[in-house]
Amino acid sequence: MKRSRFTEEQIIAILKEQESGVKTADVCRKHGISEATFYKYKAKFGGMEVSDARRLKALEDENAKLKRLLAEAMLDNAMLKDVATKKW
């Protein structure tokens, strides 16, 4: 997945700028993003504060780590079952 060139804090600042009354097109032009990207950011970070965004990022990282660990454990389990069923 491609990394965003903006941090969560910057994205929230962009969203707050639009909420303060600046037109969406002007905000997008100023920051060099498309309106589709703006609305994607709004769907993900809309109504959040910076601390909420940091917590969300930490939880997403932890979730990815746990999924990776689970996948490795399942592969190990499948490999051991395969070895156990073979006749020596």
C-alpha atoms as a PDB file:
ATOM      1  CA  MET A   1       0.000   0.000   0.000  1.00  0.00           C
ATOM      2  CA  LYS A   2       1.329   3.423  -0.928  1.00  0.00           C
ATOM      3  CA  ARG A   3       2.219   5.664   1.975  1.00  0.00           C
ATOM      4  CA  SER A   4       0.454   8.992   2.186  1.00  0.00           C
ATOM      5  CA  ARG A   5       2.658  12.020   1.807  1.00  0.00           C
ATOM      6  CA  PHE A   6       0.703  13.663   4.617  1.00  0.00           C
ATOM      7  CA  THR A   7       0.787  12.682   8.277  1.00  0.00           C
ATOM      8  CA  GLU A   8      -2.417  12.150  10.208  1.00  0.00           C
ATOM      9  CA  GLU A   9      -1.952  15.557  11.847  1.00  0.00           C
ATOM     10  CA  GLN A  10      -1.642  17.264   8.467  1.00  0.00           C
ATOM     11  CA  ILE A  11      -4.708  15.471   7.107  1.00  0.00           C
ATOM     12  CA  ILE A  12      -6.780  16.540  10.108  1.00  0.00           C
ATOM     13  CA  ALA A  13      -5.546  20.119   9.647  1.00  0.00           C
ATOM     14  CA  ILE A  14      -6.651  20.006   5.988  1.00  0.00           C
ATOM     15  CA  LEU A  15     -10.089  18.735   7.019  1.00  0.00           C
ATOM     16  CA  LYS A  16     -10.441  21.410   9.701  1.00  0.00           C
ATOM     17  CA  GLU A  17      -9.484  24.065   7.163  1.00  0.00           C
ATOM     18  CA  GLN A  18     -12.371  22.970   4.963  1.00  0.00           C
ATOM     19  CA  GLU A  19     -14.739  22.799   7.928  1.00  0.00           C
ATOM     20  CA  SER A  20     -13.890  26.418   8.803  1.00  0.00           C
ATOM     21  CA  GLY A  21     -15.617  27.575   5.630  1.00  0.00           C
ATOM     22  CA  VAL A  22     -13.038  27.371   2.836  1.00  0.00           C
ATOM     23  CA  LYS A  23     -14.332  25.725  -0.339  1.00  0.00           C
ATOM     24  CA  THR A  24     -13.296  22.124  -0.854  1.00  0.00           C
ATOM     25  CA  ALA A  25     -11.873  22.840  -4.312  1.00  0.00           C
ATOM     26  CA  ASP A  26      -9.696  25.647  -2.910  1.00  0.00           C
ATOM     27  CA  VAL A  27      -8.364  23.443  -0.100  1.00  0.00           C
ATOM     28  CA  CYS A  28      -7.571  20.638  -2.544  1.00  0.00           C
ATOM     29  CA  ARG A  29      -5.798  22.996  -4.928  1.00  0.00           C
ATOM     30  CA  LYS A  30      -3.795  24.580  -2.098  1.00  0.00           C
ATOM     31  CA  HIS A  31      -2.535  21.225  -0.793  1.00  0.00           C
ATOM     32  CA  GLY A  32      -2.189  19.523  -4.173  1.00  0.00           C
ATOM     33  CA  ILE A  33      -4.677  16.709  -3.636  1.00  0.00           C
ATOM     34  CA  SER A  34      -7.688  15.592  -5.642  1.00  0.00           C
ATOM     35  CA  GLU A  35     -11.207  15.959  -4.344  1.00  0.00           C
ATOM     36  CA  ALA A  36     -11.513  12.172  -4.296  1.00  0.00           C
ATOM     37  CA  THR A  37      -8.504  11.992  -1.983  1.00  0.00           C
ATOM     38  CA  PHE A  38      -9.994  14.728   0.190  1.00  0.00           C
ATOM     39  CA  TYR A  39     -13.264  12.857   0.587  1.00  0.00           C
ATOM     40  CA  LYS A  40     -11.374   9.615   1.292  1.00  0.00           C
ATOM     41  CA  TYR A  41      -9.509  11.437   4.069  1.00  0.00           C
ATOM     42  CA  LYS A  42     -12.799  12.859   5.314  1.00  0.00           C
ATOM     43  CA  ALA A  43     -14.374   9.397   5.461  1.00  0.00           C
ATOM     44  CA  LYS A  44     -11.442   8.030   7.447  1.00  0.00           C
ATOM     45  CA  PHE A  45     -10.478  10.972   9.671  1.00  0.00           C
ATOM     46  CA  GLY A  46     -13.644  13.118   9.724  1.00  0.00           C
ATOM     47  CA  GLY A  47     -14.483  14.331  13.220  1.00  0.00           C
ATOM     48  CA  MET A  48     -11.239  13.074  14.735  1.00  0.00           C
ATOM     49  CA  GLU A  49      -8.716  14.911  16.800  1.00  0.00           C
ATOM     50  CA  VAL A  50      -4.977  14.369  16.427  1.00  0.00           C
ATOM     51  CA  SER A  51      -4.836  12.085  19.481  1.00  0.00           C
ATOM     52  CA  ASP A  52      -7.628   9.941  18.032  1.00  0.00           C
ATOM     53  CA  ALA A  53      -5.745   9.618  14.752  1.00  0.00           C
ATOM     54  CA  ARG A  54      -2.561   8.563  16.538  1.00  0.00           C
ATOM     55  CA  ARG A  55      -4.499   5.946  18.487  1.00  0.00           C
ATOM     56  CA  LEU A  56      -6.135   4.692  15.280  1.00  0.00           C
ATOM     57  CA  LYS A  57      -2.724   4.359  13.611  1.00  0.00           C
ATOM     58  CA  ALA A  58      -1.323   2.467  16.612  1.00  0.00           C
ATOM     59  CA  LEU A  59      -4.299   0.089  16.607  1.00  0.00           C
ATOM     60  CA  GLU A  60      -3.973  -0.503  12.853  1.00  0.00           C
ATOM     61  CA  ASP A  61      -0.272  -1.314  13.262  1.00  0.00           C
ATOM     62  CA  GLU A  62      -0.987  -3.684  16.147  1.00  0.00           C
ATOM     63  CA  ASN A  63      -3.768  -5.369  14.153  1.00  0.00           C
ATOM     64  CA  ALA A  64      -1.438  -5.924  11.182  1.00  0.00           C
ATOM     65  CA  LYS A  65       1.212  -7.402  13.474  1.00  0.00           C
ATOM     66  CA  LEU A  66      -1.282  -9.775  15.082  1.00  0.00           C
ATOM     67  CA  LYS A  67      -2.625 -10.886  11.697  1.00  0.00           C
ATOM     68  CA  ARG A  68       0.915 -11.622  10.520  1.00  0.00           C
ATOM     69  CA  LEU A  69       1.611 -13.658  13.683  1.00  0.00           C
ATOM     70  CA  LEU A  70      -1.624 -15.604  13.250  1.00  0.00           C
ATOM     71  CA  ALA A  71      -0.804 -16.390   9.619  1.00  0.00           C
ATOM     72  CA  GLU A  72       2.647 -17.659  10.603  1.00  0.00           C
ATOM     73  CA  ALA A  73       1.168 -19.827  13.364  1.00  0.00           C
ATOM     74  CA  MET A  74      -1.409 -21.278  10.972  1.00  0.00           C
ATOM     75  CA  LEU A  75       1.323 -22.095   8.433  1.00  0.00           C
ATOM     76  CA  ASP A  76       3.402 -23.800  11.124  1.00  0.00           C
ATOM     77  CA  ASN A  77       0.372 -25.776  12.254  1.00  0.00           C
ATOM     78  CA  ALA A  78      -0.438 -26.882   8.701  1.00  0.00           C
ATOM     79  CA  MET A  79       3.176 -27.895   8.102  1.00  0.00           C
ATOM     80  CA  LEU A  80       3.272 -29.969  11.299  1.00  0.00           C
ATOM     81  CA  LYS A  81       0.001 -31.700  10.401  1.00  0.00           C
ATOM     82  CA  ASP A  82       1.382 -32.498   6.972  1.00  0.00           C
ATOM     83  CA  VAL A  83       4.573 -33.980   8.425  1.00  0.00           C
ATOM     84  CA  ALA A  84       2.596 -35.987  11.012  1.00  0.00           C
ATOM     85  CA  THR A  85       0.347 -37.593   8.398  1.00  0.00           C
ATOM     86  CA  LYS A  86       3.194 -38.792   6.167  1.00  0.00           C
ATOM     87  CA  LYS A  87       4.243 -42.393   6.573  1.00  0.00           C
ATOM     88  CA  TRP A  88       7.863 -42.915   7.461  1.00  0.00           C
END
